[in-house]
Amino acid sequence: MISNSEMIRIRRQMQRRIRDVVAERRRARQMEAPVADLTGDPTDTRPESSLAPTA
């Protein structure tokens, strides 16, 4: 059985990984935006409000 401290450690590690992935995806979107503006071909047709994080 996993101890309480081990469970906390695993949970924090998972949260850190999720946060890193979200940040990486956000950077990728920001890098794509200027390219789409130059070509006139938007890569994402969703409204800005749907891109905002919900939590």
PDB file of N, CA and C in Angstrom:
ATOM      1  N   MET A   1       0.838  -1.193   0.000  1.00  0.00           N
ATOM      2  CA  MET A   1       0.000   0.000   0.000  1.00  0.00           C
ATOM      3  C   MET A   1       0.882   1.256   0.000  1.00  0.00           C
ATOM      4  N   ILE A   2       0.426   2.294  -0.672  1.00  0.00           N
ATOM      5  CA  ILE A   2       1.200   3.529  -0.784  1.00  0.00           C
ATOM      6  C   ILE A   2       0.963   4.388   0.452  1.00  0.00           C
ATOM      7  N   SER A   3       2.047   4.902   1.004  1.00  0.00           N
ATOM      8  CA  SER A   3       1.929   5.757   2.187  1.00  0.00           C
ATOM      9  C   SER A   3       1.371   7.124   1.776  1.00  0.00           C
ATOM     10  N   ASN A   4       0.925   7.857   2.763  1.00  0.00           N
ATOM     11  CA  ASN A   4       0.338   9.171   2.517  1.00  0.00           C
ATOM     12  C   ASN A   4       1.361  10.121   1.884  1.00  0.00           C
ATOM     13  N   SER A   5       2.573  10.105   2.375  1.00  0.00           N
ATOM     14  CA  SER A   5       3.597  11.001   1.828  1.00  0.00           C
ATOM     15  C   SER A   5       3.945  10.622   0.387  1.00  0.00           C
ATOM     16  N   GLU A   6       3.935   9.333   0.083  1.00  0.00           N
ATOM     17  CA  GLU A   6       4.207   8.886  -1.290  1.00  0.00           C
ATOM     18  C   GLU A   6       3.072   9.331  -2.219  1.00  0.00           C
ATOM     19  N   MET A   7       1.852   9.243  -1.740  1.00  0.00           N
ATOM     20  CA  MET A   7       0.694   9.678  -2.523  1.00  0.00           C
ATOM     21  C   MET A   7       0.781  11.176  -2.816  1.00  0.00           C
ATOM     22  N   ILE A   8       1.165  11.960  -1.822  1.00  0.00           N
ATOM     23  CA  ILE A   8       1.314  13.406  -2.011  1.00  0.00           C
ATOM     24  C   ILE A   8       2.410  13.695  -3.022  1.00  0.00           C
ATOM     25  N   ARG A   9       3.518  12.965  -2.935  1.00  0.00           N
ATOM     26  CA  ARG A   9       4.631  13.162  -3.857  1.00  0.00           C
ATOM     27  C   ARG A   9       4.214  12.857  -5.293  1.00  0.00           C
ATOM     28  N   ILE A  10       3.499  11.762  -5.476  1.00  0.00           N
ATOM     29  CA  ILE A  10       3.032  11.367  -6.809  1.00  0.00           C
ATOM     30  C   ILE A  10       2.050  12.402  -7.357  1.00  0.00           C
ATOM     31  N   ARG A  11       1.146  12.876  -6.520  1.00  0.00           N
ATOM     32  CA  ARG A  11       0.163  13.874  -6.956  1.00  0.00           C
ATOM     33  C   ARG A  11       0.847  15.162  -7.393  1.00  0.00           C
ATOM     34  N   ARG A  12       1.820  15.607  -6.608  1.00  0.00           N
ATOM     35  CA  ARG A  12       2.547  16.828  -6.975  1.00  0.00           C
ATOM     36  C   ARG A  12       3.318  16.650  -8.275  1.00  0.00           C
ATOM     37  N   GLN A  13       3.889  15.479  -8.457  1.00  0.00           N
ATOM     38  CA  GLN A  13       4.632  15.195  -9.686  1.00  0.00           C
ATOM     39  C   GLN A  13       3.694  15.234 -10.895  1.00  0.00           C
ATOM     40  N   MET A  14       2.519  14.647 -10.751  1.00  0.00           N
ATOM     41  CA  MET A  14       1.542  14.653 -11.841  1.00  0.00           C
ATOM     42  C   MET A  14       1.096  16.078 -12.162  1.00  0.00           C
ATOM     43  N   GLN A  15       0.834  16.877 -11.122  1.00  0.00           N
ATOM     44  CA  GLN A  15       0.415  18.260 -11.347  1.00  0.00           C
ATOM     45  C   GLN A  15       1.505  19.058 -12.055  1.00  0.00           C
ATOM     46  N   ARG A  16       2.752  18.806 -11.688  1.00  0.00           N
ATOM     47  CA  ARG A  16       3.880  19.486 -12.319  1.00  0.00           C
ATOM     48  C   ARG A  16       3.967  19.124 -13.795  1.00  0.00           C
ATOM     49  N   ARG A  17       3.776  17.854 -14.102  1.00  0.00           N
ATOM     50  CA  ARG A  17       3.829  17.415 -15.503  1.00  0.00           C
ATOM     51  C   ARG A  17       2.711  18.037 -16.316  1.00  0.00           C
ATOM     52  N   ILE A  18       1.515  18.063 -15.749  1.00  0.00           N
ATOM     53  CA  ILE A  18       0.374  18.664 -16.450  1.00  0.00           C
ATOM     54  C   ILE A  18       0.629  20.141 -16.704  1.00  0.00           C
ATOM     55  N   ARG A  19       1.130  20.836 -15.692  1.00  0.00           N
ATOM     56  CA  ARG A  19       1.425  22.253 -15.835  1.00  0.00           C
ATOM     57  C   ARG A  19       2.476  22.490 -16.930  1.00  0.00           C
ATOM     58  N   ASP A  20       3.472  21.631 -16.995  1.00  0.00           N
ATOM     59  CA  ASP A  20       4.512  21.754 -18.019  1.00  0.00           C
ATOM     60  C   ASP A  20       3.938  21.545 -19.424  1.00  0.00           C
ATOM     61  N   VAL A  21       3.055  20.568 -19.571  1.00  0.00           N
ATOM     62  CA  VAL A  21       2.454  20.296 -20.879  1.00  0.00           C
ATOM     63  C   VAL A  21       1.570  21.466 -21.307  1.00  0.00           C
ATOM     64  N   VAL A  22       0.788  21.996 -20.377  1.00  0.00           N
ATOM     65  CA  VAL A  22      -0.080  23.129 -20.693  1.00  0.00           C
ATOM     66  C   VAL A  22       0.763  24.327 -21.122  1.00  0.00           C
ATOM     67  N   ALA A  23       1.852  24.588 -20.414  1.00  0.00           N
ATOM     68  CA  ALA A  23       2.725  25.710 -20.767  1.00  0.00           C
ATOM     69  C   ALA A  23       3.362  25.496 -22.139  1.00  0.00           C
ATOM     70  N   GLU A  24       3.763  24.271 -22.422  1.00  0.00           N
ATOM     71  CA  GLU A  24       4.371  23.969 -23.721  1.00  0.00           C
ATOM     72  C   GLU A  24       3.375  24.181 -24.852  1.00  0.00           C
ATOM     73  N   ARG A  25       2.143  23.741 -24.653  1.00  0.00           N
ATOM     74  CA  ARG A  25       1.110  23.921 -25.678  1.00  0.00           C
ATOM     75  C   ARG A  25       0.786  25.399 -25.870  1.00  0.00           C
ATOM     76  N   ARG A  26       0.773  26.150 -24.767  1.00  0.00           N
ATOM     77  CA  ARG A  26       0.511  27.581 -24.864  1.00  0.00           C
ATOM     78  C   ARG A  26       1.617  28.275 -25.667  1.00  0.00           C
ATOM     79  N   ARG A  27       2.864  27.903 -25.409  1.00  0.00           N
ATOM     80  CA  ARG A  27       3.981  28.478 -26.175  1.00  0.00           C
ATOM     81  C   ARG A  27       3.870  28.120 -27.654  1.00  0.00           C
ATOM     82  N   ALA A  28       3.485  26.890 -27.945  1.00  0.00           N
ATOM     83  CA  ALA A  28       3.344  26.456 -29.332  1.00  0.00           C
ATOM     84  C   ALA A  28       2.249  27.259 -30.035  1.00  0.00           C
ATOM     85  N   ARG A  29       1.139  27.502 -29.362  1.00  0.00           N
ATOM     86  CA  ARG A  29       0.059  28.310 -29.945  1.00  0.00           C
ATOM     87  C   ARG A  29       0.530  29.732 -30.202  1.00  0.00           C
ATOM     88  N   GLN A  30       1.292  30.288 -29.264  1.00  0.00           N
ATOM     89  CA  GLN A  30       1.773  31.654 -29.435  1.00  0.00           C
ATOM     90  C   GLN A  30       2.764  31.746 -30.587  1.00  0.00           C
ATOM     91  N   MET A  31       3.523  30.693 -30.810  1.00  0.00           N
ATOM     92  CA  MET A  31       4.464  30.697 -31.930  1.00  0.00           C
ATOM     93  C   MET A  31       3.722  30.547 -33.256  1.00  0.00           C
ATOM     94  N   GLU A  32       2.597  29.842 -33.266  1.00  0.00           N
ATOM     95  CA  GLU A  32       1.817  29.660 -34.490  1.00  0.00           C
ATOM     96  C   GLU A  32       1.054  30.922 -34.863  1.00  0.00           C
ATOM     97  N   ALA A  33       0.634  31.715 -33.901  1.00  0.00           N
ATOM     98  CA  ALA A  33      -0.207  32.883 -34.156  1.00  0.00           C
ATOM     99  C   ALA A  33       0.440  33.870 -35.120  1.00  0.00           C
ATOM    100  N   PRO A  34       1.696  34.287 -34.934  1.00  0.00           N
ATOM    101  CA  PRO A  34       2.293  35.234 -35.898  1.00  0.00           C
ATOM    102  C   PRO A  34       2.401  34.641 -37.304  1.00  0.00           C
ATOM    103  N   VAL A  35       2.640  33.355 -37.424  1.00  0.00           N
ATOM    104  CA  VAL A  35       2.734  32.720 -38.737  1.00  0.00           C
ATOM    105  C   VAL A  35       1.376  32.774 -39.429  1.00  0.00           C
ATOM    106  N   ALA A  36       0.309  32.506 -38.696  1.00  0.00           N
ATOM    107  CA  ALA A  36      -1.040  32.552 -39.272  1.00  0.00           C
ATOM    108  C   ALA A  36      -1.386  33.970 -39.694  1.00  0.00           C
ATOM    109  N   ASP A  37      -0.942  34.961 -38.922  1.00  0.00           N
ATOM    110  CA  ASP A  37      -1.230  36.342 -39.272  1.00  0.00           C
ATOM    111  C   ASP A  37      -0.536  36.736 -40.575  1.00  0.00           C
ATOM    112  N   LEU A  38       0.667  36.240 -40.778  1.00  0.00           N
ATOM    113  CA  LEU A  38       1.418  36.583 -41.979  1.00  0.00           C
ATOM    114  C   LEU A  38       0.836  35.915 -43.217  1.00  0.00           C
ATOM    115  N   THR A  39       0.367  34.681 -43.074  1.00  0.00           N
ATOM    116  CA  THR A  39      -0.141  33.959 -44.237  1.00  0.00           C
ATOM    117  C   THR A  39      -1.611  34.235 -44.498  1.00  0.00           C
ATOM    118  N   GLY A  40      -2.307  34.754 -43.480  1.00  0.00           N
ATOM    119  CA  GLY A  40      -3.724  35.009 -43.635  1.00  0.00           C
ATOM    120  C   GLY A  40      -4.555  33.749 -43.495  1.00  0.00           C
ATOM    121  N   ASP A  41      -3.940  32.652 -43.046  1.00  0.00           N
ATOM    122  CA  ASP A  41      -4.635  31.376 -42.889  1.00  0.00           C
ATOM    123  C   ASP A  41      -4.681  31.018 -41.410  1.00  0.00           C
ATOM    124  N   PRO A  42      -5.785  31.307 -40.730  1.00  0.00           N
ATOM    125  CA  PRO A  42      -5.843  30.998 -39.300  1.00  0.00           C
ATOM    126  C   PRO A  42      -5.825  29.484 -39.068  1.00  0.00           C
ATOM    127  N   THR A  43      -5.003  29.052 -38.122  1.00  0.00           N
ATOM    128  CA  THR A  43      -4.903  27.628 -37.833  1.00  0.00           C
ATOM    129  C   THR A  43      -5.945  27.197 -36.812  1.00  0.00           C
ATOM    130  N   ASP A  44      -6.491  28.150 -36.083  1.00  0.00           N
ATOM    131  CA  ASP A  44      -7.463  27.832 -35.036  1.00  0.00           C
ATOM    132  C   ASP A  44      -8.658  28.759 -35.199  1.00  0.00           C
ATOM    133  N   THR A  45      -9.827  28.190 -35.491  1.00  0.00           N
ATOM    134  CA  THR A  45     -10.993  29.016 -35.752  1.00  0.00           C
ATOM    135  C   THR A  45     -11.878  29.198 -34.527  1.00  0.00           C
ATOM    136  N   ARG A  46     -11.452  28.666 -33.372  1.00  0.00           N
ATOM    137  CA  ARG A  46     -12.242  28.825 -32.158  1.00  0.00           C
ATOM    138  C   ARG A  46     -12.156  30.268 -31.669  1.00  0.00           C
ATOM    139  N   PRO A  47     -13.197  30.752 -31.000  1.00  0.00           N
ATOM    140  CA  PRO A  47     -13.122  32.106 -30.437  1.00  0.00           C
ATOM    141  C   PRO A  47     -12.098  32.146 -29.299  1.00  0.00           C
ATOM    142  N   GLU A  48     -11.591  33.331 -29.026  1.00  0.00           N
ATOM    143  CA  GLU A  48     -10.554  33.490 -28.001  1.00  0.00           C
ATOM    144  C   GLU A  48     -11.018  32.984 -26.632  1.00  0.00           C
ATOM    145  N   SER A  49     -12.299  33.158 -26.315  1.00  0.00           N
ATOM    146  CA  SER A  49     -12.773  32.758 -24.996  1.00  0.00           C
ATOM    147  C   SER A  49     -12.642  31.252 -24.771  1.00  0.00           C
ATOM    148  N   SER A  50     -12.667  30.451 -25.828  1.00  0.00           N
ATOM    149  CA  SER A  50     -12.548  29.013 -25.665  1.00  0.00           C
ATOM    150  C   SER A  50     -11.102  28.596 -25.454  1.00  0.00           C
ATOM    151  N   LEU A  51     -10.161  29.488 -25.717  1.00  0.00           N
ATOM    152  CA  LEU A  51      -8.746  29.173 -25.515  1.00  0.00           C
ATOM    153  C   LEU A  51      -8.304  29.432 -24.086  1.00  0.00           C
ATOM    154  N   ALA A  52      -9.101  30.181 -23.342  1.00  0.00           N
ATOM    155  CA  ALA A  52      -8.725  30.502 -21.969  1.00  0.00           C
ATOM    156  C   ALA A  52      -8.826  29.265 -21.088  1.00  0.00           C
ATOM    157  N   PRO A  53      -7.898  29.124 -20.136  1.00  0.00           N
ATOM    158  CA  PRO A  53      -7.962  27.975 -19.226  1.00  0.00           C
ATOM    159  C   PRO A  53      -9.211  28.066 -18.349  1.00  0.00           C
ATOM    160  N   THR A  54      -9.763  26.907 -18.044  1.00  0.00           N
ATOM    161  CA  THR A  54     -10.995  26.877 -17.261  1.00  0.00           C
ATOM    162  C   THR A  54     -10.729  26.753 -15.769  1.00  0.00           C
ATOM    163  N   ALA A  55      -9.535  26.361 -15.399  1.00  0.00           N
ATOM    164  CA  ALA A  55      -9.250  26.192 -13.972  1.00  0.00           C
ATOM    165  C   ALA A  55      -8.014  26.945 -13.573  1.00  0.00           C
TER     166      ALA A  55
END
